[in-house]
Amino acid sequence: QVQLVESGGGLVQAGGSLRLSCAASRRTFSSYRMAWFRQVPGKEREFVAYINRSGTNTNYADSVKGRFAISRDNAKNTVHLQMNSLKLEDTAVYYCAASDTLGAYDYWGQGTQVTVSS
């Protein structure tokens, strides 16, 4: 089992940038596929970005492509989400998720709030 703790959220003006981090508790961090999701109250949680175990493959939601970048540092058990050119619609609670299988994400962080203001 792995525990995930997100950080880096906050209030930023539209067009600005934020970098989210997710620290994992396990030294076997490199065996987990990692992803970021986000959720707005009253809406379903939505996928944002994915990175494979080695960091060589990434995937993004169309809504963030070209603006967000996911990366990981397996030596430091962390995954990051660099968010640039933020828009009002990026406002959400952002969650880090991990999977040690090819299936669903079984492990989730507590979330970090990102608020983009005009």
C-alpha atoms as a PDB file:
ATOM      1  CA  GLN A   1       0.000   0.000   0.000  1.00  0.00           C
ATOM      2  CA  VAL A   2       1.143   3.541  -0.688  1.00  0.00           C
ATOM      3  CA  GLN A   3       0.155   6.814   0.949  1.00  0.00           C
ATOM      4  CA  LEU A   4       0.032   9.977  -1.134  1.00  0.00           C
ATOM      5  CA  VAL A   5       0.244  13.586   0.036  1.00  0.00           C
ATOM      6  CA  GLU A   6      -0.361  16.463  -2.354  1.00  0.00           C
ATOM      7  CA  SER A   7       0.941  19.990  -1.953  1.00  0.00           C
ATOM      8  CA  GLY A   8       1.356  23.155  -3.966  1.00  0.00           C
ATOM      9  CA  GLY A   9      -2.220  24.226  -4.459  1.00  0.00           C
ATOM     10  CA  GLY A  10      -3.366  27.766  -3.902  1.00  0.00           C
ATOM     11  CA  LEU A  11      -4.879  30.892  -5.404  1.00  0.00           C
ATOM     12  CA  VAL A  12      -3.501  32.166  -8.699  1.00  0.00           C
ATOM     13  CA  GLN A  13      -4.647  34.663 -11.305  1.00  0.00           C
ATOM     14  CA  ALA A  14      -5.736  33.506 -14.714  1.00  0.00           C
ATOM     15  CA  GLY A  15      -2.711  33.069 -16.954  1.00  0.00           C
ATOM     16  CA  GLY A  16      -0.486  32.220 -14.030  1.00  0.00           C
ATOM     17  CA  SER A  17       1.264  29.014 -13.064  1.00  0.00           C
ATOM     18  CA  LEU A  18       1.310  26.545 -10.211  1.00  0.00           C
ATOM     19  CA  ARG A  19       3.296  23.393  -9.569  1.00  0.00           C
ATOM     20  CA  LEU A  20       1.631  20.601  -7.672  1.00  0.00           C
ATOM     21  CA  SER A  21       3.626  17.890  -5.959  1.00  0.00           C
ATOM     22  CA  CYS A  22       2.647  14.480  -4.671  1.00  0.00           C
ATOM     23  CA  ALA A  23       4.877  12.651  -2.220  1.00  0.00           C
ATOM     24  CA  ALA A  24       4.542   8.888  -1.929  1.00  0.00           C
ATOM     25  CA  SER A  25       5.368   6.872   1.151  1.00  0.00           C
ATOM     26  CA  ARG A  26       6.713   3.727  -0.462  1.00  0.00           C
ATOM     27  CA  ARG A  27      10.255   3.095  -1.608  1.00  0.00           C
ATOM     28  CA  THR A  28       8.706   0.988  -4.390  1.00  0.00           C
ATOM     29  CA  PHE A  29       7.248   4.168  -5.877  1.00  0.00           C
ATOM     30  CA  SER A  30       8.717   3.312  -9.272  1.00  0.00           C
ATOM     31  CA  SER A  31       6.361   0.327  -9.505  1.00  0.00           C
ATOM     32  CA  TYR A  32       3.287   2.575  -9.535  1.00  0.00           C
ATOM     33  CA  ARG A  33       1.616   4.224 -12.476  1.00  0.00           C
ATOM     34  CA  MET A  34       0.699   7.735 -11.425  1.00  0.00           C
ATOM     35  CA  ALA A  35      -1.967  10.198 -12.434  1.00  0.00           C
ATOM     36  CA  TRP A  36      -3.607  13.474 -11.518  1.00  0.00           C
ATOM     37  CA  PHE A  37      -7.347  13.948 -11.402  1.00  0.00           C
ATOM     38  CA  ARG A  38      -9.470  16.933 -10.452  1.00  0.00           C
ATOM     39  CA  GLN A  39     -12.956  17.482  -9.145  1.00  0.00           C
ATOM     40  CA  VAL A  40     -15.315  20.419  -8.925  1.00  0.00           C
ATOM     41  CA  PRO A  41     -18.139  20.276  -6.359  1.00  0.00           C
ATOM     42  CA  GLY A  42     -21.210  18.694  -7.877  1.00  0.00           C
ATOM     43  CA  LYS A  43     -19.291  17.160 -10.759  1.00  0.00           C
ATOM     44  CA  GLU A  44     -17.563  13.846 -11.291  1.00  0.00           C
ATOM     45  CA  ARG A  45     -13.844  13.505 -10.799  1.00  0.00           C
ATOM     46  CA  GLU A  46     -12.063  13.903 -14.131  1.00  0.00           C
ATOM     47  CA  PHE A  47      -8.753  12.697 -15.451  1.00  0.00           C
ATOM     48  CA  VAL A  48      -6.038  15.321 -15.953  1.00  0.00           C
ATOM     49  CA  ALA A  49      -2.707  13.625 -16.652  1.00  0.00           C
ATOM     50  CA  TYR A  50      -0.933  10.263 -16.511  1.00  0.00           C
ATOM     51  CA  ILE A  51       2.662   9.099 -16.345  1.00  0.00           C
ATOM     52  CA  ASN A  52       3.977   5.576 -16.589  1.00  0.00           C
ATOM     53  CA  ARG A  53       6.326   3.889 -14.132  1.00  0.00           C
ATOM     54  CA  SER A  54       9.561   5.003 -15.768  1.00  0.00           C
ATOM     55  CA  GLY A  55       8.351   8.451 -16.722  1.00  0.00           C
ATOM     56  CA  THR A  56       8.813   7.814 -20.423  1.00  0.00           C
ATOM     57  CA  ASN A  57       5.155   7.953 -21.368  1.00  0.00           C
ATOM     58  CA  THR A  58       2.574  10.601 -20.514  1.00  0.00           C
ATOM     59  CA  ASN A  59      -1.002  11.335 -21.458  1.00  0.00           C
ATOM     60  CA  TYR A  60      -3.220  14.372 -20.927  1.00  0.00           C
ATOM     61  CA  ALA A  61      -6.837  15.380 -21.019  1.00  0.00           C
ATOM     62  CA  ASP A  62      -7.572  17.497 -24.078  1.00  0.00           C
ATOM     63  CA  SER A  63      -8.530  20.406 -21.839  1.00  0.00           C
ATOM     64  CA  VAL A  64      -5.003  20.707 -20.415  1.00  0.00           C
ATOM     65  CA  LYS A  65      -2.840  19.565 -23.323  1.00  0.00           C
ATOM     66  CA  GLY A  66      -0.081  22.038 -24.067  1.00  0.00           C
ATOM     67  CA  ARG A  67      -0.556  23.812 -20.728  1.00  0.00           C
ATOM     68  CA  PHE A  68       0.100  21.134 -18.090  1.00  0.00           C
ATOM     69  CA  ALA A  69       3.075  18.793 -17.734  1.00  0.00           C
ATOM     70  CA  ILE A  70       3.347  15.739 -15.515  1.00  0.00           C
ATOM     71  CA  SER A  71       6.711  14.447 -14.375  1.00  0.00           C
ATOM     72  CA  ARG A  72       8.102  12.142 -11.737  1.00  0.00           C
ATOM     73  CA  ASP A  73      11.280  11.652  -9.753  1.00  0.00           C
ATOM     74  CA  ASN A  74      11.493   8.016  -8.700  1.00  0.00           C
ATOM     75  CA  ALA A  75      14.553   8.686  -6.572  1.00  0.00           C
ATOM     76  CA  LYS A  76      12.521  11.140  -4.483  1.00  0.00           C
ATOM     77  CA  ASN A  77       9.192   9.274  -4.625  1.00  0.00           C
ATOM     78  CA  THR A  78       7.425  12.302  -6.060  1.00  0.00           C
ATOM     79  CA  VAL A  79       5.255  13.202  -9.000  1.00  0.00           C
ATOM     80  CA  HIS A  80       4.630  16.755 -10.133  1.00  0.00           C
ATOM     81  CA  LEU A  81       2.066  18.594 -12.191  1.00  0.00           C
ATOM     82  CA  GLN A  82       3.298  21.839 -13.711  1.00  0.00           C
ATOM     83  CA  MET A  83       0.291  23.953 -14.620  1.00  0.00           C
ATOM     84  CA  ASN A  84       0.791  26.935 -16.911  1.00  0.00           C
ATOM     85  CA  SER A  85      -1.581  29.389 -18.553  1.00  0.00           C
ATOM     86  CA  LEU A  86      -4.187  28.589 -15.938  1.00  0.00           C
ATOM     87  CA  LYS A  87      -7.807  29.284 -16.748  1.00  0.00           C
ATOM     88  CA  LEU A  88     -10.822  29.906 -14.533  1.00  0.00           C
ATOM     89  CA  GLU A  89     -12.126  26.472 -15.473  1.00  0.00           C
ATOM     90  CA  ASP A  90      -9.028  24.827 -13.989  1.00  0.00           C
ATOM     91  CA  THR A  91     -10.353  25.659 -10.534  1.00  0.00           C
ATOM     92  CA  ALA A  92     -10.832  22.353  -8.706  1.00  0.00           C
ATOM     93  CA  VAL A  93      -9.488  20.058  -6.040  1.00  0.00           C
ATOM     94  CA  TYR A  94      -6.579  18.165  -7.570  1.00  0.00           C
ATOM     95  CA  TYR A  95      -5.883  14.590  -6.536  1.00  0.00           C
ATOM     96  CA  CYS A  96      -2.845  12.426  -6.987  1.00  0.00           C
ATOM     97  CA  ALA A  97      -3.539   8.747  -7.696  1.00  0.00           C
ATOM     98  CA  ALA A  98      -1.448   5.603  -7.929  1.00  0.00           C
ATOM     99  CA  SER A  99      -1.942   2.165  -9.397  1.00  0.00           C
ATOM    100  CA  ASP A 100       0.240  -0.911  -9.098  1.00  0.00           C
ATOM    101  CA  THR A 101      -1.785  -2.792 -11.701  1.00  0.00           C
ATOM    102  CA  LEU A 102      -2.966  -2.116 -15.213  1.00  0.00           C
ATOM    103  CA  GLY A 103      -6.418  -1.397 -13.868  1.00  0.00           C
ATOM    104  CA  ALA A 104      -8.024   1.185 -11.635  1.00  0.00           C
ATOM    105  CA  TYR A 105      -6.216   3.641  -9.408  1.00  0.00           C
ATOM    106  CA  ASP A 106      -6.419   2.178  -5.930  1.00  0.00           C
ATOM    107  CA  TYR A 107      -4.596   4.822  -3.955  1.00  0.00           C
ATOM    108  CA  TRP A 108      -5.534   8.484  -3.628  1.00  0.00           C
ATOM    109  CA  GLY A 109      -4.243  11.525  -1.848  1.00  0.00           C
ATOM    110  CA  GLN A 110      -6.400  13.900   0.156  1.00  0.00           C
ATOM    111  CA  GLY A 111      -6.433  16.535  -2.570  1.00  0.00           C
ATOM    112  CA  THR A 112      -5.159  20.080  -2.872  1.00  0.00           C
ATOM    113  CA  GLN A 113      -7.308  23.073  -3.830  1.00  0.00           C
ATOM    114  CA  VAL A 114      -6.416  25.111  -6.893  1.00  0.00           C
ATOM    115  CA  THR A 115      -8.357  28.328  -7.384  1.00  0.00           C
ATOM    116  CA  VAL A 116      -7.885  30.467 -10.477  1.00  0.00           C
ATOM    117  CA  SER A 117      -9.211  34.011 -10.244  1.00  0.00           C
ATOM    118  CA  SER A 118      -9.913  36.593 -12.915  1.00  0.00           C
END
